[in-house]
């Protein structure tokens, strides 16, 4: 019985490692007959694993998706990767995900060998988790939007804009993007005939979804497009500034969510960003501690002079 159980685990591991297997291939890997392979496949099906079989010389076996989640087999590296992701990645702005991740991690750690558990605990001891998201979205909402993106179905929803005004939108959804501890939807707004970025926590979807649409070519890399939209296009003033430091150094200033950085050379990079106030943008640039020059807008130069004057006068009276 032990030999049979071990062989079933080995068969399951093979089926999970590759999409399609022929009967002779599995028999050779397991060092058994094709008849034994067929019996073992039936045993896996009895345990809830949906193993599909195709007859004929070109046929074979494939592990499919079932109605319930059966146990999964993970190798050492996969188990450690899953454990680390569960421990450190549960701050993505999804409502209730930390509790769910903690439950899943507890189950996984109970069955990890001691050598792997020590690796996970060592990483936990020296890893600093990012600050949790201040705005969260429900898993069900992400699932509805994600399914519409996957199935290429139009999505209708009420949207609360930055000023608190609610509007009805009909869009062709394409991608969900996580940026700056918030979730965004990249979609084509059919009423405005243009691409738009929507904060998911402000979306109230209407059901049913549909009809299906013909996919369009995306404007550019979705992550870059959304990042530029939420850090520049969404604000009153947009600017381009050249900073005299490497992109790696500037990125270390907790830049996520404040703009788009482009490396221009080993010691120079360009920042594209947006702010509601030029004075606020001037103060922000001054606090970086990096020498810079303004490319646009020209009004930012006057704002820098005004802010520097106020600071100089304050320093003179201190």
Protein backbone atom coordinates (compact mmCIF):
# COMPACT_ATOMS: atom_id res chain seq x y z
CA UNK A 1 0.00 0.00 0.00
CA UNK A 2 2.88 2.36 0.81
CA UNK A 3 4.38 1.74 -2.62
CA UNK A 4 1.06 2.47 -4.29
CA UNK A 5 0.59 5.70 -2.31
CA UNK A 6 4.10 6.88 -3.13
CA UNK A 7 3.51 6.09 -6.80
CA UNK A 8 0.24 8.09 -6.78
CA UNK A 9 2.05 11.11 -5.37
CA UNK A 10 4.73 10.76 -8.03
CA UNK A 11 2.09 10.47 -10.76
CA UNK A 12 0.31 13.56 -9.46
CA UNK A 13 3.57 15.49 -9.39
CA UNK A 14 4.25 14.57 -13.02
CA UNK A 15 0.77 15.61 -14.13
CA UNK A 16 1.20 18.98 -12.40
CA UNK A 17 4.62 19.60 -13.91
CA UNK A 18 3.55 19.42 -17.57
CA UNK A 19 0.32 19.98 -19.47
CA UNK A 20 0.14 16.71 -21.46
CA UNK A 21 1.58 13.24 -20.96
CA UNK A 22 1.20 10.08 -23.01
CA UNK A 23 0.53 6.77 -21.28
CA UNK A 24 3.90 5.26 -22.29
CA UNK A 25 5.75 8.36 -21.01
CA UNK A 26 4.12 8.08 -17.59
CA UNK A 27 4.69 4.34 -17.48
CA UNK A 28 8.39 4.84 -18.23
CA UNK A 29 8.78 7.56 -15.60
CA UNK A 30 7.04 5.44 -12.95
CA UNK A 31 8.64 2.17 -14.07
CA UNK A 32 5.26 0.43 -14.31
CA UNK A 33 3.01 -0.89 -17.07
CA UNK A 34 0.48 1.18 -19.00
CA UNK A 35 -2.27 -0.82 -17.30
CA UNK A 36 -0.97 0.26 -13.87
CA UNK A 37 -0.96 3.87 -15.04
CA UNK A 38 -4.63 3.57 -16.01
CA UNK A 39 -5.48 2.13 -12.59
CA UNK A 40 -3.56 4.88 -10.80
CA UNK A 41 -5.34 7.53 -12.86
CA UNK A 42 -8.67 6.08 -11.72
CA UNK A 43 -7.47 6.26 -8.10
CA UNK A 44 -6.61 9.95 -8.55
CA UNK A 45 -10.05 10.59 -10.01
CA UNK A 46 -11.62 8.91 -6.99
CA UNK A 47 -9.67 11.33 -4.78
CA UNK A 48 -11.10 14.32 -6.65
CA UNK A 49 -8.41 15.05 -9.21
CA UNK A 50 -9.93 15.68 -12.67
CA UNK A 51 -7.54 13.73 -14.91
CA UNK A 52 -8.69 13.92 -18.53
CA UNK A 53 -7.80 11.12 -20.93
CA UNK A 54 -7.72 11.21 -24.73
CA UNK A 55 -7.78 7.82 -26.50
CA UNK A 56 -5.74 6.87 -29.56
CA UNK A 57 -2.10 6.95 -30.55
CA UNK A 58 -1.94 10.74 -30.14
CA UNK A 59 -3.88 10.66 -26.89
CA UNK A 60 -2.70 10.98 -23.35
CA UNK A 61 -3.48 12.41 -19.91
CA UNK A 62 -4.00 15.94 -18.70
CA UNK A 63 -4.74 17.31 -15.22
CA UNK A 64 -7.72 19.63 -15.51
CA UNK A 65 -9.66 21.98 -13.23
CA UNK A 66 -12.36 20.49 -11.05
CA UNK A 67 -15.30 21.71 -9.00
CA UNK A 68 -13.32 21.59 -5.74
CA UNK A 69 -9.69 22.36 -4.92
CA UNK A 70 -7.73 19.12 -4.42
CA UNK A 71 -4.41 18.99 -2.54
CA UNK A 72 -1.42 20.39 -4.43
CA UNK A 73 2.12 19.06 -4.53
CA UNK A 74 4.89 21.66 -4.21
CA UNK A 75 8.63 21.14 -4.43
CA UNK A 76 10.94 22.78 -1.84
CA UNK A 77 11.49 26.03 -3.74
CA UNK A 78 7.81 26.40 -4.59
CA UNK A 79 6.77 25.84 -0.96
CA UNK A 80 9.22 28.47 0.32
CA UNK A 81 8.12 30.95 -2.37
CA UNK A 82 4.43 30.51 -1.47
CA UNK A 83 5.14 30.88 2.26
CA UNK A 84 7.16 34.08 1.75
CA UNK A 85 4.50 35.58 -0.50
CA UNK A 86 1.79 34.79 2.04
CA UNK A 87 3.81 36.34 4.85
CA UNK A 88 5.02 39.50 3.11
CA UNK A 89 2.60 40.10 0.26
CA UNK A 90 -0.70 40.49 2.08
CA UNK A 91 -0.68 44.29 2.03
CA UNK A 92 -1.95 44.76 -1.51
CA UNK A 93 -5.07 46.71 -0.62
CA UNK A 94 -7.48 43.75 -0.85
CA UNK A 95 -10.04 43.67 1.95
CA UNK A 96 -9.65 40.68 4.28
CA UNK A 97 -6.60 39.28 2.50
CA UNK A 98 -4.31 39.50 5.55
CA UNK A 99 -6.54 37.21 7.61
CA UNK A 100 -6.96 34.79 4.70
CA UNK A 101 -3.21 34.77 4.05
CA UNK A 102 -2.51 34.10 7.72
CA UNK A 103 -4.84 31.08 7.71
CA UNK A 104 -3.25 29.68 4.54
CA UNK A 105 0.25 30.26 5.92
CA UNK A 106 -0.61 28.44 9.16
CA UNK A 107 -1.78 25.41 7.19
CA UNK A 108 1.34 25.45 5.04
CA UNK A 109 3.79 25.84 7.94
CA UNK A 110 2.22 22.88 9.73
CA UNK A 111 3.37 20.53 6.97
CA UNK A 112 6.67 22.19 5.99
CA UNK A 113 9.78 20.15 6.82
CA UNK A 114 11.90 21.77 9.52
CA UNK A 115 14.65 22.71 7.06
CA UNK A 116 12.16 24.71 4.95
CA UNK A 117 10.39 26.18 7.98
CA UNK A 118 13.73 27.54 9.21
CA UNK A 119 14.36 29.20 5.82
CA UNK A 120 10.96 30.91 5.92
CA UNK A 121 11.41 32.03 9.53
CA UNK A 122 14.88 33.40 8.77
CA UNK A 123 13.48 35.54 5.98
CA UNK A 124 10.63 36.67 8.21
CA UNK A 125 13.05 37.81 10.90
CA UNK A 126 14.94 40.20 8.61
CA UNK A 127 12.18 41.35 6.24
CA UNK A 128 10.45 44.70 6.79
CA UNK A 129 6.89 44.62 5.51
CA UNK A 130 5.58 47.64 3.58
CA UNK A 131 2.95 49.85 5.14
CA UNK A 132 -0.55 48.44 4.58
CA UNK A 133 -2.80 50.15 2.08
CA UNK A 134 -4.98 52.92 3.48
CA UNK A 135 -7.73 52.14 0.95
CA UNK A 136 -8.85 48.55 0.40
CA UNK A 137 -11.15 46.88 -2.12
CA UNK A 138 -13.21 43.74 -1.77
CA UNK A 139 -12.08 40.46 -3.29
CA UNK A 140 -15.51 40.05 -4.92
CA UNK A 141 -15.18 43.43 -6.67
CA UNK A 142 -11.75 42.51 -8.04
CA UNK A 143 -13.12 39.15 -9.17
CA UNK A 144 -16.02 40.76 -11.07
CA UNK A 145 -13.73 43.23 -12.84
CA UNK A 146 -11.06 40.62 -13.50
CA UNK A 147 -13.61 38.26 -15.05
CA UNK A 148 -14.90 41.04 -17.33
CA UNK A 149 -11.31 41.76 -18.46
CA UNK A 150 -10.67 38.07 -19.12
CA UNK A 151 -13.96 37.43 -20.94
CA UNK A 152 -13.77 40.72 -22.91
CA UNK A 153 -17.19 41.87 -21.70
CA UNK A 154 -18.25 45.48 -21.32
CA UNK A 155 -18.57 46.73 -17.78
CA UNK A 156 -21.15 49.22 -16.49
CA UNK A 157 -20.59 50.99 -13.19
CA UNK A 158 -21.21 54.12 -11.15
CA UNK A 159 -17.96 55.98 -10.57
CA UNK A 160 -17.18 58.51 -7.84
CA UNK A 161 -14.59 60.97 -9.16
CA UNK A 162 -12.00 62.96 -7.21
CA UNK A 163 -14.48 65.74 -6.54
CA UNK A 164 -17.13 63.40 -5.17
CA UNK A 165 -19.39 63.48 -8.25
CA UNK A 166 -20.98 60.18 -9.30
CA UNK A 167 -21.23 59.34 -13.01
CA UNK A 168 -22.39 56.26 -14.92
CA UNK A 169 -19.65 54.71 -17.08
CA UNK A 170 -19.67 52.04 -19.78
CA UNK A 171 -16.20 50.73 -20.55
CA UNK A 172 -14.26 47.97 -22.22
CA UNK A 173 -12.08 46.69 -19.33
CA UNK A 174 -8.54 45.52 -20.10
CA UNK A 175 -6.20 45.37 -17.11
CA UNK A 176 -6.16 45.60 -13.31
CA UNK A 177 -3.03 47.40 -12.12
CA UNK A 178 -1.73 47.69 -8.55
CA UNK A 179 0.20 50.94 -8.09
CA UNK A 180 1.08 53.00 -5.05
CA UNK A 181 -0.87 50.69 -2.67
CA UNK A 182 -4.08 51.17 -4.71
CA UNK A 183 -5.87 49.16 -7.41
CA UNK A 184 -6.69 50.75 -10.79
CA UNK A 185 -8.65 49.63 -13.85
CA UNK A 186 -7.32 50.46 -17.30
CA UNK A 187 -10.29 50.60 -19.67
CA UNK A 188 -11.56 52.18 -22.87
CA UNK A 189 -14.47 54.53 -22.09
CA UNK A 190 -16.95 54.06 -24.95
CA UNK A 191 -18.88 57.27 -24.20
CA UNK A 192 -15.74 59.43 -24.16
CA UNK A 193 -14.04 57.44 -26.94
CA UNK A 194 -10.73 57.38 -25.09
CA UNK A 195 -8.64 55.40 -22.62
CA UNK A 196 -9.30 56.04 -18.94
CA UNK A 197 -7.86 54.95 -15.59
CA UNK A 198 -10.30 54.30 -12.73
CA UNK A 199 -9.63 53.76 -9.05
CA UNK A 200 -11.23 50.42 -8.23
CA UNK A 201 -12.32 51.47 -4.73
CA UNK A 202 -14.54 54.14 -6.36
CA UNK A 203 -16.25 51.67 -8.73
CA UNK A 204 -19.77 50.35 -8.06
CA UNK A 205 -20.33 47.73 -10.80
CA UNK A 206 -23.72 46.95 -12.29
CA UNK A 207 -24.72 43.47 -13.38
CA UNK A 208 -24.95 41.73 -15.71
CA UNK A 209 -21.80 42.46 -17.67
CA UNK A 210 -21.67 42.40 -21.44
CA UNK A 211 -21.94 42.36 -24.37
CA UNK A 212 -18.55 41.10 -25.55
CA UNK A 213 -16.21 43.49 -27.36
CA UNK A 214 -13.39 43.18 -29.86
CA UNK A 215 -10.08 43.91 -28.10
CA UNK A 216 -8.20 47.09 -29.03
CA UNK A 217 -4.44 47.60 -29.06
CA UNK A 218 -3.33 48.86 -25.66
CA UNK A 219 -1.86 52.40 -25.69
CA UNK A 220 1.43 51.22 -24.12
CA UNK A 221 2.62 49.09 -21.24
CA UNK A 222 -0.45 49.04 -18.93
CA UNK A 223 1.55 49.53 -15.72
CA UNK A 224 3.44 52.52 -17.14
CA UNK A 225 0.28 54.05 -18.60
CA UNK A 226 -1.60 53.81 -15.30
CA UNK A 227 1.38 55.07 -13.30
CA UNK A 228 1.69 58.11 -15.56
CA UNK A 229 -2.05 58.73 -15.37
CA UNK A 230 -2.29 58.70 -11.58
CA UNK A 231 0.94 60.64 -10.98
CA UNK A 232 0.71 63.25 -13.73
CA UNK A 233 -2.32 63.44 -16.01
CA UNK A 234 -4.82 63.41 -13.13
CA UNK A 235 -3.43 66.64 -11.64
CA UNK A 236 -3.79 70.31 -12.57
CA UNK A 237 -0.08 70.88 -13.21
CA UNK A 238 2.21 68.47 -15.06
CA UNK A 239 5.96 68.88 -15.05
CA UNK A 240 9.20 67.40 -16.36
CA UNK A 241 12.31 67.83 -14.25
CA UNK A 242 15.85 66.56 -14.82
CA UNK A 243 17.50 65.40 -11.60
CA UNK A 244 21.29 65.11 -11.35
CA UNK A 245 21.39 61.71 -9.70
CA UNK A 246 20.99 58.16 -10.96
CA UNK A 247 17.51 56.72 -11.33
CA UNK A 248 18.45 54.08 -8.72
CA UNK A 249 19.37 56.76 -6.16
CA UNK A 250 16.24 58.79 -6.82
CA UNK A 251 14.03 55.67 -6.72
CA UNK A 252 15.39 55.07 -3.22
CA UNK A 253 13.64 58.24 -2.06
CA UNK A 254 10.33 56.32 -1.71
CA UNK A 255 9.28 57.58 -5.14
CA UNK A 256 6.47 55.09 -5.74
CA UNK A 257 3.26 56.94 -6.52
CA UNK A 258 4.88 60.36 -7.02
CA UNK A 259 5.82 60.16 -10.69
CA UNK A 260 7.57 58.35 -13.52
CA UNK A 261 11.36 58.12 -13.53
CA UNK A 262 13.38 57.67 -16.74
CA UNK A 263 17.13 57.11 -16.66
CA UNK A 264 19.00 59.55 -18.95
CA UNK A 265 22.51 58.45 -17.99
CA UNK A 266 24.52 56.98 -15.13
CA UNK A 267 24.05 60.12 -12.98
CA UNK A 268 20.98 61.76 -14.51
CA UNK A 269 17.28 60.93 -14.70
CA UNK A 270 14.03 62.63 -15.65
CA UNK A 271 10.95 62.88 -13.46
CA UNK A 272 7.48 63.31 -14.94
CA UNK A 273 4.93 64.13 -12.27
CA UNK A 274 1.87 66.18 -11.46
CA UNK A 275 0.60 68.23 -8.51
CA UNK A 276 -2.47 70.27 -7.73
CA UNK A 277 -0.27 73.19 -6.62
CA UNK A 278 2.98 74.50 -8.07
CA UNK A 279 4.08 75.60 -4.60
CA UNK A 280 3.60 72.04 -3.33
CA UNK A 281 5.58 70.69 -6.27
CA UNK A 282 8.38 73.20 -5.60
CA UNK A 283 8.54 72.15 -1.94
CA UNK A 284 8.52 68.48 -2.91
CA UNK A 285 11.44 68.91 -5.31
CA UNK A 286 13.39 70.91 -2.76
CA UNK A 287 13.05 68.18 -0.16
CA UNK A 288 14.65 65.54 -2.39
CA UNK A 289 18.13 66.84 -1.64
CA UNK A 290 19.05 66.42 -5.32
CA UNK A 291 20.17 69.13 -7.76
CA UNK A 292 17.65 69.54 -10.58
CA UNK A 293 16.56 71.72 -13.49
CA UNK A 294 13.04 72.41 -14.73
CA UNK A 295 12.08 71.47 -18.28
CA UNK A 296 8.38 72.32 -18.00
CA UNK A 297 6.21 74.13 -17.14
CA UNK A 298 7.94 77.55 -17.03
CA UNK A 299 5.55 78.60 -14.23
CA UNK A 300 7.32 76.15 -11.94
CA UNK A 301 10.48 78.31 -12.06
CA UNK A 302 8.55 81.27 -10.64
CA UNK A 303 7.04 79.04 -7.97
CA UNK A 304 10.52 77.84 -6.98
CA UNK A 305 11.71 81.46 -6.67
CA UNK A 306 8.71 82.38 -4.51
CA UNK A 307 9.12 79.38 -2.23
CA UNK A 308 12.89 79.86 -1.90
CA UNK A 309 12.29 83.52 -1.02
CA UNK A 310 9.89 82.60 1.77
CA UNK A 311 12.32 80.01 3.10
CA UNK A 312 15.23 82.48 2.99
CA UNK A 313 13.23 85.08 4.86
CA UNK A 314 12.19 82.53 7.45
CA UNK A 315 15.81 81.41 7.86
CA UNK A 316 16.94 85.03 8.31
CA UNK A 317 14.50 85.63 11.16
CA UNK A 318 15.27 82.38 12.97
